[in-house]
Amino acid sequence: MKFTARKLVMIAIFGALSYVLMLFKFPLPFMPPFMDFDLAGIPELLGTFLLGPVAGVFIVLIKLLIKLATVGTASMFTGEIQNFILSLSFILPASFLYKHSTHKRSALRGMLAGTAVVTIVACLSNVYFIIPFYTRLYGLSMEAIIAMTQAVNPMVDSVWKLVVIGIIPFNLIKYGVTTAIVYFSLDRLRAIFLRREYL
């Protein structure tokens, strides 16, 4: 990827927009309360589609660097690492299948693949990395984590159910919404970028 001045500016803008959208986060009803819904993936994915996968990686990095510079970390960087991993798990598969095609079907296939990949990664990373880390960091037990989720969804009474009716639907909803918004706005934004010779 050739980093022209215009592309660097656009990468910075997409990264800043992603950070701003990350600030407007909230839990979803009946979903694990430690998982926040936000739309930061929209500028990340749009920037990746319009500027390429390398640009997408830098957009995610800029988002997290702004976050660390402004509010710091409350999880010894674990949350930021998880955010980085999940963001890339979504945008990179989508980008590889899209390949700057002018057909929205390619973008949709890419985003659906990205949603599937990030959902699988989220399940594995939460069960084997994130949740165990937080249990040690805050002196909790896995049972306490399950009880937190059970308070908003009584059906969650085991790790397996936490994954099946908590983590999986949360990620399908989050990245499904992102997919829908990007799908319906991609052509218009691509036309604007092409007209202004950003690509």
Protein backbone atom coordinates (compact mmCIF):
# COMPACT_ATOMS: atom_id res chain seq x y z
CA MET A 1 0.00 0.00 0.00
CA LYS A 2 1.29 3.45 -0.96
CA PHE A 3 0.70 5.93 1.85
CA THR A 4 -0.10 9.21 0.15
CA ALA A 5 -0.80 12.29 2.24
CA ARG A 6 -4.50 12.03 1.46
CA LYS A 7 -4.66 8.41 2.52
CA LEU A 8 -2.86 9.16 5.77
CA VAL A 9 -5.37 11.90 6.49
CA MET A 10 -8.28 9.56 5.75
CA ILE A 11 -6.79 6.82 7.94
CA ALA A 12 -6.53 9.33 10.80
CA ILE A 13 -10.11 10.50 10.25
CA PHE A 14 -11.49 6.96 10.20
CA GLY A 15 -9.49 6.11 13.33
CA ALA A 16 -10.81 9.17 15.16
CA LEU A 17 -14.40 8.42 14.08
CA SER A 18 -14.01 4.86 15.30
CA TYR A 19 -12.85 6.12 18.69
CA VAL A 20 -15.78 8.54 18.97
CA LEU A 21 -18.27 5.78 18.16
CA MET A 22 -16.57 3.51 20.69
CA LEU A 23 -17.41 6.06 23.39
CA PHE A 24 -21.14 5.56 22.78
CA LYS A 25 -21.25 2.03 24.11
CA PHE A 26 -23.94 0.26 26.08
CA PRO A 27 -24.91 -3.28 27.13
CA LEU A 28 -27.62 -5.14 25.25
CA PRO A 29 -30.65 -6.57 27.08
CA PHE A 30 -30.24 -10.21 28.13
CA MET A 31 -26.60 -10.20 26.97
CA PRO A 32 -23.48 -10.50 29.18
CA PRO A 33 -23.19 -7.16 31.02
CA PHE A 34 -19.40 -7.06 30.58
CA MET A 35 -19.80 -6.90 26.78
CA ASP A 36 -20.59 -3.45 25.36
CA PHE A 37 -22.33 -2.75 22.07
CA ASP A 38 -20.86 0.02 19.92
CA LEU A 39 -20.61 0.92 16.25
CA ALA A 40 -16.86 1.56 16.08
CA GLY A 41 -16.61 -1.17 13.47
CA ILE A 42 -18.39 0.98 10.88
CA PRO A 43 -15.52 3.43 10.12
CA GLU A 44 -13.02 0.60 10.58
CA LEU A 45 -14.72 -1.50 7.94
CA LEU A 46 -15.45 1.38 5.58
CA GLY A 47 -11.85 2.54 5.82
CA THR A 48 -10.64 -0.99 5.14
CA PHE A 49 -12.89 -1.39 2.11
CA LEU A 50 -11.94 2.00 0.68
CA LEU A 51 -8.25 2.12 1.57
CA GLY A 52 -7.18 -1.50 1.98
CA PRO A 53 -6.44 -3.98 4.80
CA VAL A 54 -3.18 -2.31 5.89
CA ALA A 55 -5.04 0.95 6.34
CA GLY A 56 -7.68 -0.94 8.33
CA VAL A 57 -5.05 -2.16 10.78
CA PHE A 58 -3.80 1.38 11.29
CA ILE A 59 -7.35 2.69 11.74
CA VAL A 60 -7.87 0.22 14.59
CA LEU A 61 -4.49 1.14 16.10
CA ILE A 62 -5.29 4.85 15.97
CA LYS A 63 -8.62 4.24 17.68
CA LEU A 64 -6.95 2.37 20.53
CA LEU A 65 -4.04 4.80 20.84
CA ILE A 66 -6.49 7.70 21.19
CA LYS A 67 -8.37 5.70 23.79
CA LEU A 68 -5.22 4.97 25.78
CA ALA A 69 -4.06 8.59 25.52
CA THR A 70 -7.38 10.02 26.71
CA VAL A 71 -8.82 7.58 29.24
CA GLY A 72 -6.07 5.00 29.73
CA THR A 73 -6.72 1.35 30.47
CA ALA A 74 -8.67 -0.29 33.25
CA SER A 75 -7.65 -3.84 32.38
CA MET A 76 -3.86 -3.76 32.12
CA PHE A 77 -4.26 -3.44 28.33
CA THR A 78 -6.15 -6.72 28.10
CA GLY A 79 -9.34 -5.03 26.91
CA GLU A 80 -7.42 -3.11 24.28
CA ILE A 81 -5.68 -6.27 23.07
CA GLN A 82 -9.04 -8.03 22.85
CA ASN A 83 -10.52 -5.08 20.97
CA PHE A 84 -7.61 -5.13 18.53
CA ILE A 85 -7.91 -8.87 17.93
CA LEU A 86 -11.68 -8.78 17.42
CA SER A 87 -11.56 -5.72 15.16
CA LEU A 88 -8.99 -7.36 12.88
CA SER A 89 -10.90 -10.64 12.98
CA PHE A 90 -13.84 -8.77 11.48
CA ILE A 91 -12.29 -6.36 8.97
CA LEU A 92 -9.49 -8.49 7.50
CA PRO A 93 -11.59 -11.47 6.30
CA ALA A 94 -14.12 -8.99 4.93
CA SER A 95 -11.39 -7.10 3.09
CA PHE A 96 -9.76 -10.20 1.64
CA LEU A 97 -13.07 -11.34 0.12
CA TYR A 98 -14.06 -7.88 -1.05
CA LYS A 99 -10.78 -6.92 -2.79
CA HIS A 100 -12.09 -3.53 -3.88
CA SER A 101 -14.78 -5.14 -6.02
CA THR A 102 -17.46 -2.82 -7.29
CA HIS A 103 -20.10 -5.44 -6.55
CA LYS A 104 -21.88 -5.14 -3.23
CA ARG A 105 -22.35 -8.92 -3.20
CA SER A 106 -18.59 -9.28 -2.68
CA ALA A 107 -18.72 -6.82 0.20
CA LEU A 108 -21.65 -8.67 1.73
CA ARG A 109 -19.90 -12.03 1.44
CA GLY A 110 -16.83 -10.52 3.05
CA MET A 111 -18.77 -8.98 5.92
CA LEU A 112 -20.68 -12.20 6.57
CA ALA A 113 -17.39 -14.10 6.63
CA GLY A 114 -15.92 -11.49 8.95
CA THR A 115 -18.93 -11.79 11.26
CA ALA A 116 -18.51 -15.57 11.42
CA VAL A 117 -14.76 -15.31 12.09
CA VAL A 118 -15.04 -12.64 14.77
CA THR A 119 -17.83 -14.55 16.52
CA ILE A 120 -15.68 -17.69 16.73
CA VAL A 121 -12.64 -15.67 17.89
CA ALA A 122 -14.76 -13.85 20.48
CA CYS A 123 -16.01 -17.14 21.95
CA LEU A 124 -12.54 -18.65 22.20
CA SER A 125 -10.79 -15.52 23.46
CA ASN A 126 -13.45 -14.74 26.07
CA VAL A 127 -13.59 -18.27 27.49
CA TYR A 128 -9.87 -19.02 27.44
CA PHE A 129 -8.28 -15.59 27.80
CA ILE A 130 -10.42 -12.60 28.75
CA ILE A 131 -12.78 -14.04 31.37
CA PRO A 132 -10.02 -16.03 33.18
CA PHE A 133 -7.86 -12.89 33.22
CA TYR A 134 -10.64 -10.78 34.76
CA THR A 135 -11.38 -13.43 37.35
CA ARG A 136 -7.76 -13.20 38.52
CA LEU A 137 -7.54 -9.41 38.18
CA TYR A 138 -10.65 -8.72 40.26
CA GLY A 139 -10.57 -11.79 42.47
CA LEU A 140 -13.72 -13.28 40.97
CA SER A 141 -14.66 -16.84 40.12
CA MET A 142 -16.11 -18.20 36.90
CA GLU A 143 -19.30 -18.79 38.85
CA ALA A 144 -19.41 -15.09 39.71
CA ILE A 145 -19.06 -14.16 36.05
CA ILE A 146 -21.89 -16.53 35.16
CA ALA A 147 -24.01 -15.08 37.99
CA MET A 148 -23.49 -11.56 36.55
CA THR A 149 -24.90 -12.72 33.24
CA GLN A 150 -27.61 -14.77 34.91
CA ALA A 151 -28.86 -11.60 36.59
CA VAL A 152 -29.88 -10.25 33.17
CA ASN A 153 -30.57 -13.62 31.53
CA PRO A 154 -31.68 -16.39 33.92
CA MET A 155 -31.07 -19.07 31.28
CA VAL A 156 -27.30 -18.63 31.58
CA ASP A 157 -26.19 -21.09 34.24
CA SER A 158 -22.97 -22.51 32.77
CA VAL A 159 -19.98 -21.53 30.64
CA TRP A 160 -21.48 -23.39 27.70
CA LYS A 161 -24.72 -21.44 27.92
CA LEU A 162 -22.78 -18.22 28.39
CA VAL A 163 -21.21 -18.89 24.99
CA VAL A 164 -24.33 -20.15 23.19
CA ILE A 165 -26.92 -17.64 24.42
CA GLY A 166 -24.57 -14.84 25.43
CA ILE A 167 -21.37 -14.37 23.47
CA ILE A 168 -22.53 -15.79 20.12
CA PRO A 169 -25.78 -13.79 19.79
CA PHE A 170 -24.11 -10.62 21.10
CA ASN A 171 -21.47 -10.72 18.38
CA LEU A 172 -23.95 -11.70 15.69
CA ILE A 173 -26.08 -8.69 16.63
CA LYS A 174 -23.17 -6.26 16.93
CA TYR A 175 -21.44 -7.17 13.70
CA GLY A 176 -24.72 -7.85 11.90
CA VAL A 177 -25.81 -4.26 12.55
CA THR A 178 -22.41 -3.00 11.40
CA THR A 179 -22.69 -5.13 8.25
CA ALA A 180 -26.13 -3.74 7.41
CA ILE A 181 -25.07 -0.10 7.85
CA VAL A 182 -21.89 -0.52 5.81
CA TYR A 183 -23.72 -2.47 3.09
CA PHE A 184 -26.23 0.32 2.50
CA SER A 185 -23.66 3.14 2.61
CA LEU A 186 -20.67 1.63 0.79
CA ASP A 187 -21.61 2.55 -2.78
CA ARG A 188 -22.28 6.18 -1.94
CA LEU A 189 -19.04 6.58 0.02
CA ARG A 190 -17.02 4.76 -2.62
CA ALA A 191 -18.37 7.12 -5.29
CA ILE A 192 -17.42 10.13 -3.16
CA PHE A 193 -13.90 8.81 -2.59
CA LEU A 194 -13.37 8.00 -6.26
CA ARG A 195 -14.65 11.40 -7.34
CA ARG A 196 -12.25 13.12 -4.95
CA GLU A 197 -9.39 10.84 -5.99
CA TYR A 198 -8.75 9.45 -2.54
CA LEU A 199 -8.28 5.97 -4.00
